[in-house]
Protein backbone atom coordinates (compact mmCIF):
# COMPACT_ATOMS: atom_id res chain seq x y z
CA MET A 1 53.95 -73.47 -41.49
CA ALA A 2 50.57 -71.80 -41.82
CA GLN A 3 50.18 -68.19 -40.78
CA ASN A 4 48.52 -67.58 -37.44
CA PRO A 5 45.28 -65.69 -38.18
CA ASP A 6 46.02 -63.43 -35.19
CA THR A 7 49.42 -62.40 -36.56
CA GLU A 8 49.60 -58.95 -38.16
CA LEU A 9 50.58 -59.13 -41.81
CA HIS A 10 53.19 -56.49 -42.68
CA ASP A 11 54.23 -55.57 -46.18
CA VAL A 12 57.88 -56.40 -45.46
CA VAL A 13 59.80 -58.00 -42.63
CA VAL A 14 63.52 -57.24 -42.54
CA VAL A 15 65.77 -59.70 -40.72
CA GLY A 16 68.70 -57.84 -39.18
CA ALA A 17 69.27 -54.23 -38.12
CA GLY A 18 72.74 -53.79 -39.55
CA PHE A 19 73.29 -51.18 -42.24
CA ALA A 20 71.79 -53.36 -44.98
CA GLY A 21 68.62 -53.98 -42.98
CA LEU A 22 68.26 -50.41 -41.73
CA THR A 23 68.70 -49.05 -45.26
CA ALA A 24 66.18 -51.47 -46.76
CA ALA A 25 63.66 -50.71 -44.02
CA ARG A 26 64.01 -46.96 -44.49
CA GLU A 27 63.67 -47.14 -48.27
CA LEU A 28 60.55 -49.28 -48.09
CA SER A 29 58.84 -47.45 -45.22
CA ARG A 30 59.39 -44.12 -46.99
CA ARG A 31 57.41 -45.59 -49.90
CA GLY A 32 54.46 -46.00 -47.58
CA LEU A 33 54.90 -49.71 -46.93
CA SER A 34 54.55 -51.24 -43.47
CA VAL A 35 57.93 -52.61 -42.40
CA GLN A 36 58.92 -54.63 -39.35
CA ILE A 37 62.59 -55.21 -38.47
CA VAL A 38 63.54 -58.21 -36.33
CA GLU A 39 66.98 -58.12 -34.73
CA ALA A 40 68.65 -60.80 -32.61
CA ARG A 41 70.86 -58.37 -30.72
CA ARG A 42 69.68 -55.75 -28.25
CA ARG A 43 71.05 -52.97 -30.44
CA ILE A 44 71.21 -51.86 -34.06
CA GLY A 45 74.34 -51.76 -36.21
CA GLY A 46 75.18 -55.42 -36.83
CA ARG A 47 78.93 -55.85 -37.22
CA THR A 48 79.45 -52.19 -36.41
CA TRP A 49 79.30 -51.50 -32.69
CA LEU A 50 80.26 -48.27 -30.95
CA ASP A 51 80.78 -49.12 -27.29
CA HIS A 52 82.33 -47.36 -24.29
CA ARG A 53 85.59 -49.15 -23.53
CA LEU A 54 88.99 -48.16 -22.12
CA GLY A 55 87.60 -44.79 -21.06
CA ARG A 56 86.08 -43.65 -24.38
CA ASP A 57 83.72 -44.69 -27.18
CA LEU A 58 85.44 -47.18 -29.48
CA GLU A 59 84.38 -48.95 -32.67
CA ILE A 60 84.42 -52.62 -31.75
CA GLY A 61 83.45 -53.60 -35.30
CA GLY A 62 83.45 -51.75 -38.63
CA THR A 63 84.86 -48.24 -38.47
CA TRP A 64 86.22 -46.40 -41.50
CA VAL A 65 84.49 -44.65 -44.41
CA HIS A 66 85.69 -42.67 -47.43
CA TRP A 67 84.43 -40.39 -50.20
CA THR A 68 85.32 -43.07 -52.76
CA GLN A 69 82.46 -45.07 -51.19
CA PRO A 70 79.44 -43.38 -52.78
CA TYR A 71 76.60 -44.96 -50.82
CA VAL A 72 77.90 -44.28 -47.32
CA TRP A 73 79.18 -40.82 -48.33
CA ALA A 74 75.73 -39.88 -49.61
CA GLU A 75 74.21 -41.02 -46.30
CA LEU A 76 76.64 -38.91 -44.31
CA LYS A 77 75.67 -35.87 -46.36
CA ARG A 78 71.97 -36.72 -46.08
CA TYR A 79 72.14 -36.61 -42.29
CA GLY A 80 74.72 -33.86 -41.88
CA LEU A 81 77.39 -36.12 -40.41
CA ASP A 82 81.08 -35.37 -40.76
CA THR A 83 84.28 -37.41 -40.61
CA THR A 84 87.48 -37.16 -38.62
CA PRO A 85 90.83 -38.63 -39.66
CA SER A 86 93.02 -41.05 -37.79
CA PRO A 87 96.30 -39.36 -36.81
CA ASP A 88 99.09 -39.28 -39.37
CA PRO A 89 101.70 -41.78 -38.18
CA GLU A 90 105.09 -40.36 -37.27
CA ARG A 91 106.85 -43.69 -36.86
CA ALA A 92 106.61 -47.07 -38.58
CA TYR A 93 107.66 -50.55 -37.51
CA TRP A 94 107.64 -53.64 -39.70
CA TRP A 95 108.83 -57.24 -39.87
CA ALA A 96 110.55 -58.45 -43.03
CA ALA A 97 113.28 -60.95 -43.97
CA GLY A 98 113.20 -62.34 -40.42
CA ALA A 99 113.98 -59.08 -38.66
CA ARG A 100 112.29 -56.05 -37.11
CA HIS A 101 112.69 -52.71 -38.86
CA GLU A 102 111.94 -49.16 -37.79
CA GLY A 103 111.72 -45.98 -39.83
CA ALA A 104 109.52 -43.28 -41.28
CA PRO A 105 106.00 -44.24 -42.43
CA ASP A 106 106.96 -43.31 -45.99
CA GLU A 107 109.64 -46.01 -45.90
CA LEU A 108 107.07 -48.67 -45.11
CA LEU A 109 104.68 -47.36 -47.77
CA ALA A 110 107.49 -47.35 -50.30
CA LEU A 111 108.35 -50.93 -49.42
CA ILE A 112 104.73 -51.98 -49.92
CA GLY A 113 104.63 -50.04 -53.15
CA GLN A 114 107.64 -51.88 -54.58
CA THR A 115 105.38 -54.85 -55.24
CA ASN A 116 101.78 -53.76 -54.69
CA GLY A 117 101.55 -51.53 -57.74
CA ASP A 118 102.46 -54.45 -59.99
CA PHE A 119 100.29 -56.87 -58.00
CA VAL A 120 97.09 -54.86 -58.60
CA LYS A 121 97.90 -53.33 -61.99
CA GLU A 122 95.22 -55.44 -63.72
CA SER A 123 92.41 -54.36 -61.38
CA ARG A 124 90.68 -52.17 -63.97
CA THR A 125 91.40 -54.68 -66.73
CA TYR A 126 89.27 -57.30 -65.02
CA PHE A 127 86.85 -54.88 -63.34
CA PRO A 128 86.46 -51.79 -65.56
CA GLU A 129 83.06 -51.14 -63.92
CA PRO A 130 83.72 -52.25 -60.35
CA PHE A 131 80.09 -51.88 -59.24
CA LYS A 132 79.22 -54.42 -61.95
CA PRO A 133 81.72 -57.16 -61.08
CA LEU A 134 80.01 -59.78 -63.25
CA ALA A 135 79.68 -57.54 -66.32
CA ARG A 136 82.59 -59.19 -68.12
CA GLU A 137 83.74 -62.79 -68.34
CA ASP A 138 87.48 -62.09 -68.15
CA PHE A 139 87.78 -62.42 -64.37
CA LYS A 140 86.64 -66.05 -64.44
CA ALA A 141 90.05 -67.03 -65.78
CA ILE A 142 91.64 -65.96 -62.47
CA ASP A 143 88.83 -66.55 -59.98
CA GLU A 144 90.38 -69.77 -58.68
CA VAL A 145 93.74 -68.05 -58.13
CA SER A 146 94.56 -67.17 -54.53
CA VAL A 147 96.27 -64.00 -53.41
CA LEU A 148 99.07 -66.06 -51.87
CA ALA A 149 99.67 -68.07 -55.05
CA ARG A 150 99.80 -64.97 -57.22
CA ILE A 151 102.16 -63.12 -54.86
CA ARG A 152 104.58 -66.04 -54.69
CA GLU A 153 104.40 -66.59 -58.42
CA GLN A 154 104.94 -62.91 -59.18
CA PHE A 155 107.63 -61.86 -56.67
CA PRO A 156 110.84 -63.44 -55.35
CA ALA A 157 111.27 -64.23 -51.67
CA GLY A 158 112.53 -61.33 -49.60
CA ALA A 159 111.55 -58.33 -47.54
CA ALA A 160 109.23 -56.76 -50.12
CA ARG A 161 107.27 -59.99 -50.55
CA ASP A 162 107.04 -60.52 -46.78
CA VAL A 163 105.54 -57.07 -46.36
CA LEU A 164 103.12 -57.54 -49.27
CA GLU A 165 101.83 -60.84 -47.86
CA SER A 166 101.24 -59.26 -44.46
CA PHE A 167 99.57 -56.23 -46.03
CA TRP A 168 97.02 -58.40 -47.86
CA THR A 169 96.57 -60.65 -44.83
CA LEU A 170 95.53 -57.48 -43.00
CA ASN A 171 93.11 -56.52 -45.78
CA PHE A 172 91.48 -59.95 -45.83
CA ASN A 173 91.57 -60.30 -42.04
CA GLY A 174 92.37 -63.92 -42.72
CA PRO A 175 94.94 -66.27 -44.27
CA LEU A 176 95.71 -65.85 -47.95
CA GLU A 177 95.77 -69.51 -49.07
CA ASN A 178 92.12 -69.33 -50.19
CA ALA A 179 91.76 -65.56 -50.48
CA ALA A 180 90.49 -64.71 -53.95
CA LEU A 181 92.74 -62.64 -56.17
CA THR A 182 89.56 -61.31 -57.74
CA GLN A 183 88.48 -59.92 -54.37
CA ALA A 184 91.75 -58.00 -54.03
CA LEU A 185 91.49 -56.61 -57.56
CA ARG A 186 87.82 -55.66 -57.09
CA TRP A 187 88.71 -53.62 -54.02
CA VAL A 188 91.46 -51.68 -55.77
CA ALA A 189 89.35 -51.18 -58.92
CA LEU A 190 86.93 -49.25 -56.69
CA THR A 191 89.64 -46.63 -56.14
CA ASN A 192 90.52 -46.49 -59.84
CA GLY A 193 93.39 -48.93 -59.50
CA ASP A 194 95.24 -46.85 -56.90
CA TRP A 195 96.28 -49.15 -54.05
CA ALA A 196 97.50 -46.30 -51.83
CA LEU A 197 94.14 -44.53 -52.08
CA ASN A 198 92.48 -47.87 -51.37
CA PHE A 199 94.56 -48.23 -48.20
CA GLU A 200 93.50 -44.73 -47.17
CA ALA A 201 89.86 -45.69 -47.73
CA CYS A 202 90.28 -48.75 -45.52
CA ALA A 203 91.74 -47.19 -42.40
CA THR A 204 91.78 -43.39 -42.23
CA TYR A 205 88.45 -41.53 -41.90
CA LYS A 206 85.94 -42.22 -39.12
CA ILE A 207 82.42 -40.89 -38.61
CA ARG A 208 82.09 -38.11 -36.02
CA GLY A 209 79.80 -39.61 -33.42
CA GLY A 210 80.73 -43.07 -34.62
CA THR A 211 78.96 -45.59 -36.79
CA ALA A 212 76.16 -45.53 -34.22
CA ALA A 213 75.31 -41.95 -35.23
CA LEU A 214 74.71 -42.99 -38.84
CA ALA A 215 72.78 -46.12 -37.91
CA ALA A 216 70.55 -44.14 -35.54
CA ALA A 217 69.94 -41.47 -38.19
CA ILE A 218 68.82 -44.04 -40.75
CA LEU A 219 66.49 -45.73 -38.27
CA ALA A 220 65.04 -42.39 -37.16
CA ASP A 221 64.33 -41.58 -40.80
CA SER A 222 62.33 -44.78 -41.10
CA LYS A 223 58.82 -45.63 -39.98
CA ALA A 224 59.85 -49.23 -39.35
CA ALA A 225 59.56 -50.76 -35.90
CA VAL A 226 62.32 -52.94 -34.44
CA GLU A 227 61.73 -56.07 -32.37
CA TYR A 228 64.93 -56.87 -30.47
CA GLY A 229 66.10 -60.21 -29.10
CA PHE A 230 64.49 -61.96 -32.07
CA THR A 231 66.87 -64.73 -33.19
CA VAL A 232 65.48 -66.26 -36.35
CA GLU A 233 65.04 -70.03 -36.48
CA THR A 234 62.94 -70.50 -39.64
CA VAL A 235 61.94 -68.45 -42.68
CA SER A 236 58.86 -69.97 -44.31
CA ASP A 237 57.59 -68.79 -47.68
CA ASN A 238 53.94 -69.79 -47.73
CA SER A 239 51.36 -69.10 -50.40
CA GLY A 240 50.07 -65.92 -48.74
CA SER A 241 52.95 -64.70 -46.59
CA VAL A 242 56.50 -65.12 -45.44
CA ASP A 243 56.56 -66.19 -41.79
CA ILE A 244 59.67 -65.52 -39.71
CA ARG A 245 59.81 -67.62 -36.54
CA SER A 246 62.23 -66.99 -33.67
CA VAL A 247 63.98 -69.60 -31.54
CA ASP A 248 61.67 -68.67 -28.64
CA GLY A 249 58.49 -69.18 -30.67
CA ARG A 250 57.56 -65.66 -31.80
CA THR A 251 56.36 -65.19 -35.37
CA VAL A 252 56.36 -62.14 -37.64
CA SER A 253 54.61 -62.33 -41.01
CA ALA A 254 54.76 -60.19 -44.13
CA ARG A 255 54.01 -60.25 -47.83
CA THR A 256 57.74 -60.41 -48.52
CA ALA A 257 60.98 -60.51 -46.53
CA ILE A 258 64.57 -59.30 -46.74
CA VAL A 259 67.20 -61.40 -44.92
CA THR A 260 70.44 -59.59 -44.10
CA VAL A 261 72.04 -62.27 -41.92
CA PRO A 262 75.84 -62.58 -42.46
CA LEU A 263 76.89 -65.49 -44.63
CA HIS A 264 78.42 -67.58 -41.85
CA ALA A 265 75.40 -67.07 -39.58
CA LEU A 266 72.94 -68.15 -42.30
CA LYS A 267 73.80 -71.78 -41.57
CA ALA A 268 71.67 -71.56 -38.42
CA VAL A 269 68.53 -70.43 -40.28
CA ALA A 270 66.17 -73.02 -41.77
CA PHE A 271 64.31 -72.05 -44.94
CA GLU A 272 61.02 -73.53 -46.09
CA PRO A 273 61.07 -74.43 -48.91
CA PRO A 274 64.78 -75.27 -48.61
CA LEU A 275 67.33 -73.06 -50.31
CA PRO A 276 68.68 -74.33 -53.63
CA ALA A 277 72.15 -75.88 -53.79
CA ALA A 278 73.51 -72.71 -55.42
CA LYS A 279 72.84 -70.90 -52.15
CA THR A 280 73.61 -73.65 -49.64
CA ASP A 281 76.93 -74.40 -51.30
CA GLY A 282 77.84 -70.72 -51.20
CA ILE A 283 76.95 -70.56 -47.51
CA CYS A 284 79.07 -73.64 -46.81
CA LEU A 285 82.02 -72.21 -48.73
CA GLY A 286 81.84 -69.06 -46.64
CA GLN A 287 84.30 -66.21 -46.44
CA VAL A 288 88.00 -65.91 -45.66
CA ALA A 289 87.81 -63.35 -42.86
CA LYS A 290 88.07 -65.08 -39.49
CA GLY A 291 90.36 -62.67 -37.72
CA ALA A 292 90.50 -60.47 -34.66
CA LYS A 293 90.30 -56.79 -33.82
CA VAL A 294 91.47 -55.48 -30.45
CA TRP A 295 91.81 -52.09 -28.80
CA LEU A 296 94.82 -51.49 -26.54
CA ARG A 297 95.42 -48.86 -23.89
CA LEU A 298 99.15 -48.12 -23.69
CA ARG A 299 100.88 -46.46 -20.78
CA GLY A 300 101.86 -42.87 -21.59
CA GLU A 301 101.51 -40.82 -24.73
CA HIS A 302 103.23 -42.31 -27.76
CA ALA A 303 103.82 -40.51 -31.03
CA PRO A 304 101.33 -41.87 -33.60
CA PHE A 305 102.69 -45.06 -35.14
CA VAL A 306 101.82 -47.81 -37.59
CA ALA A 307 103.21 -51.35 -37.28
CA LEU A 308 103.03 -54.32 -39.68
CA GLY A 309 104.16 -57.72 -38.46
CA GLY A 310 104.48 -61.12 -40.10
CA ALA A 311 101.59 -62.48 -42.15
CA ASP A 312 101.32 -65.51 -39.86
CA TRP A 313 101.42 -63.62 -36.58
CA PRO A 314 98.33 -63.73 -34.33
CA LEU A 315 98.28 -59.90 -34.51
CA ASN A 316 99.99 -58.48 -37.58
CA PHE A 317 98.94 -54.81 -37.57
CA PHE A 318 98.77 -52.00 -35.02
CA GLN A 319 97.85 -48.34 -35.40
CA ALA A 320 97.77 -45.59 -32.75
CA GLU A 321 94.41 -43.81 -32.77
CA TYR A 322 93.84 -41.64 -29.67
CA THR A 323 95.36 -40.15 -26.54
CA GLN A 324 93.27 -40.66 -23.43
CA GLY A 325 94.04 -39.39 -19.93
CA GLY A 326 97.77 -39.29 -20.56
CA ASP A 327 97.80 -42.70 -22.25
CA THR A 328 97.58 -43.91 -25.86
CA ILE A 329 94.83 -46.03 -27.39
CA ALA A 330 95.80 -48.15 -30.39
CA VAL A 331 93.96 -50.72 -32.49
CA GLY A 332 95.29 -54.09 -33.60
CA PHE A 333 94.24 -56.74 -36.12
CA GLY A 334 95.13 -60.37 -36.68
CA PRO A 335 94.19 -62.99 -39.31
CA ASP A 336 92.90 -65.83 -37.14
CA ALA A 337 90.90 -65.29 -33.95
CA ALA A 338 91.57 -68.90 -32.93
CA THR A 339 95.31 -68.23 -32.51
CA ILE A 340 95.07 -65.59 -29.79
CA ASP A 341 92.79 -64.61 -26.92
CA VAL A 342 92.58 -60.89 -27.52
CA GLU A 343 90.98 -60.43 -24.09
CA ASP A 344 94.30 -61.63 -22.61
CA ARG A 345 96.34 -58.50 -21.97
CA ALA A 346 99.60 -60.43 -21.69
CA ALA A 347 99.06 -62.19 -25.02
CA VAL A 348 98.39 -58.89 -26.77
CA GLN A 349 101.39 -57.34 -25.03
CA ALA A 350 103.64 -60.12 -26.35
CA GLU A 351 102.53 -59.47 -29.95
CA LEU A 352 102.95 -55.71 -29.73
CA ALA A 353 106.40 -56.07 -28.16
CA ARG A 354 107.63 -57.88 -31.28
CA LEU A 355 107.30 -54.59 -33.16
CA VAL A 356 106.96 -51.56 -30.89
CA PRO A 357 109.68 -51.31 -28.23
CA GLY A 358 108.78 -49.96 -24.83
CA ALA A 359 105.00 -49.99 -25.34
CA GLU A 360 103.21 -51.31 -22.25
CA VAL A 361 99.67 -52.59 -22.65
CA LEU A 362 97.52 -51.64 -19.64
CA GLU A 363 94.11 -52.84 -20.83
CA VAL A 364 92.49 -54.42 -23.87
CA ALA A 365 88.95 -54.45 -25.30
CA SER A 366 87.54 -56.61 -28.05
CA HIS A 367 84.70 -58.79 -29.30
CA ASN A 368 85.18 -62.20 -30.91
CA TRP A 369 83.08 -61.80 -34.06
CA VAL A 370 84.08 -65.23 -35.34
CA ALA A 371 82.81 -67.01 -32.21
CA ASP A 372 79.67 -64.84 -32.19
CA PRO A 373 76.89 -67.02 -33.68
CA LEU A 374 75.16 -63.91 -35.05
CA SER A 375 78.14 -63.10 -37.29
CA GLY A 376 80.60 -65.99 -37.49
CA GLU A 377 83.03 -63.69 -39.36
CA THR A 378 84.49 -60.21 -39.36
CA TRP A 379 84.29 -58.14 -42.55
CA PRO A 380 83.44 -60.47 -45.46
CA MET A 381 86.16 -61.26 -47.99
CA HIS A 382 85.50 -63.78 -50.76
CA ARG A 383 87.23 -67.11 -51.18
CA THR A 384 88.56 -68.31 -54.51
CA GLY A 385 85.71 -69.25 -56.84
CA PHE A 386 83.00 -67.41 -54.90
CA LEU A 387 82.62 -64.51 -57.31
CA SER A 388 82.08 -66.55 -60.47
CA THR A 389 80.14 -69.43 -58.91
CA PHE A 390 78.11 -68.05 -56.03
CA LEU A 391 77.74 -64.25 -55.90
CA GLN A 392 74.86 -64.00 -58.34
CA SER A 393 73.11 -66.99 -56.75
CA MET A 394 73.50 -65.54 -53.26
CA GLN A 395 72.01 -62.24 -54.42
CA ALA A 396 69.01 -63.88 -56.09
CA PRO A 397 65.64 -63.98 -54.27
CA HIS A 398 64.24 -67.28 -53.04
CA GLY A 399 60.57 -66.98 -53.81
CA LYS A 400 59.33 -63.97 -51.84
CA VAL A 401 62.50 -63.86 -49.72
CA HIS A 402 65.23 -61.39 -50.72
CA PHE A 403 68.82 -61.25 -49.48
CA ALA A 404 71.13 -58.34 -48.71
CA GLY A 405 74.33 -57.56 -46.86
CA SER A 406 77.93 -56.54 -47.25
CA ASP A 407 78.79 -60.22 -47.87
CA ILE A 408 77.02 -60.12 -51.24
CA ALA A 409 77.46 -56.48 -52.29
CA ASN A 410 78.47 -55.69 -55.86
CA GLY A 411 80.81 -52.86 -54.91
CA TRP A 412 82.48 -52.29 -51.54
CA GLY A 413 81.94 -55.77 -50.12
CA GLY A 414 83.28 -55.90 -46.59
CA PHE A 415 82.40 -52.25 -45.89
CA ILE A 416 79.44 -50.25 -44.60
CA ASP A 417 79.14 -48.89 -48.13
CA GLY A 418 78.52 -52.37 -49.51
CA ALA A 419 75.87 -53.07 -46.89
CA ILE A 420 74.00 -49.86 -47.78
CA GLU A 421 74.24 -50.58 -51.51
CA SER A 422 72.94 -54.12 -51.08
CA GLY A 423 70.12 -52.98 -48.79
CA MET A 424 68.97 -50.42 -51.36
CA GLU A 425 68.96 -52.99 -54.15
CA ALA A 426 67.01 -55.50 -52.06
CA ALA A 427 64.50 -52.80 -51.15
CA ASN A 428 63.98 -52.00 -54.83
CA ASP A 429 63.44 -55.68 -55.61
CA ALA A 430 61.00 -56.14 -52.73
CA ALA A 431 59.03 -53.05 -53.75
CA SER A 432 58.84 -54.31 -57.33
CA LEU A 433 57.58 -57.67 -56.14
CA LEU A 434 54.86 -56.05 -54.03
CA ALA A 435 53.87 -53.87 -56.96
CA GLY A 436 53.52 -56.92 -59.17
CA ARG A 437 56.61 -56.11 -61.24
CA HIS A 438 59.44 -58.53 -61.90
CA PRO A 439 62.53 -57.29 -60.00
């Protein structure tokens, strides 16, 4: 597709205004380059989304951050943003050995710890430098091993194994049959092999003002413009420019481009010239995470609780987060969005009732990220074989087109931190290309 002579030629066009795209745009515009962001949604933030539901602002997508995540922590300090913790649970409920159990949160953590410490003990062996996951060859020997296979090989059937399977189903936000053991070990290596600290990093500290406050701060610190409602149809790398065409016929052109579209949504984008098999096969393989997140308003004020159900339940985790107008707001997660309509209050009530007695669900709020064509997934978690076969290929540029996103981050893949890291790396590569240097 030839460039329209009337189309302004930018230095860089960034596809997507999630944290990877916003970071890349800021880094490049602060270097004096002209940057245009195109975003299909009518908002920034990508798979993070702070929205007013159930009487307060709630994170419909990504939420938690931690000081063990260096990229997002540096951004919080850069913009003077603080964090606030989720409440310490006072009660725990869990399902194991075919029965419901209730006790102190430390009892549940101890039960997880009976097996989890051994399960992840080789995290630093395989990933001694977790932000360089491909630095050593050792991990390739286990990259085809699934989390489920390793758990069942390593531990006998019983309550501790039931809890461990559900715990990792929660982490992957998807079933464990094809969940890569290497992905689990990479995560824990990032917290120095400490699974309990890793769990804290996953679900404890939230940004004051929400993820929207950080996204807005990054955009405000950028000179990039954003064109909303721009759903990309084709990315064409021509001799003089990269032309990005929308489904409604608009075109944005630049000397180079950074595409931050989630892996499952990339299937809908046509590339000219076509992507190599190393990329298309990785896109087709996709990620494990296909689950659900739902917010629940419960009648009355409940003491903070945590609840872990069966690994195969439509919703297998609940955590109380706020009190609101005399009621309690909790969050729930499940591994397969196709198994439950989380907008159905009665369906959510039935899942909660399996664990938390006497809790009445008044309202629910959610977004189906898996059915959303702009995401097709929740937080990205690698399948078996992805790390050794596809990660490096997915990170590689395609001509003048670069790629970024939490899906292909070296470090905290699946987190805001990974998106920021990947966006910074793509920005460096794009700047090098424009300067005539090999990235």
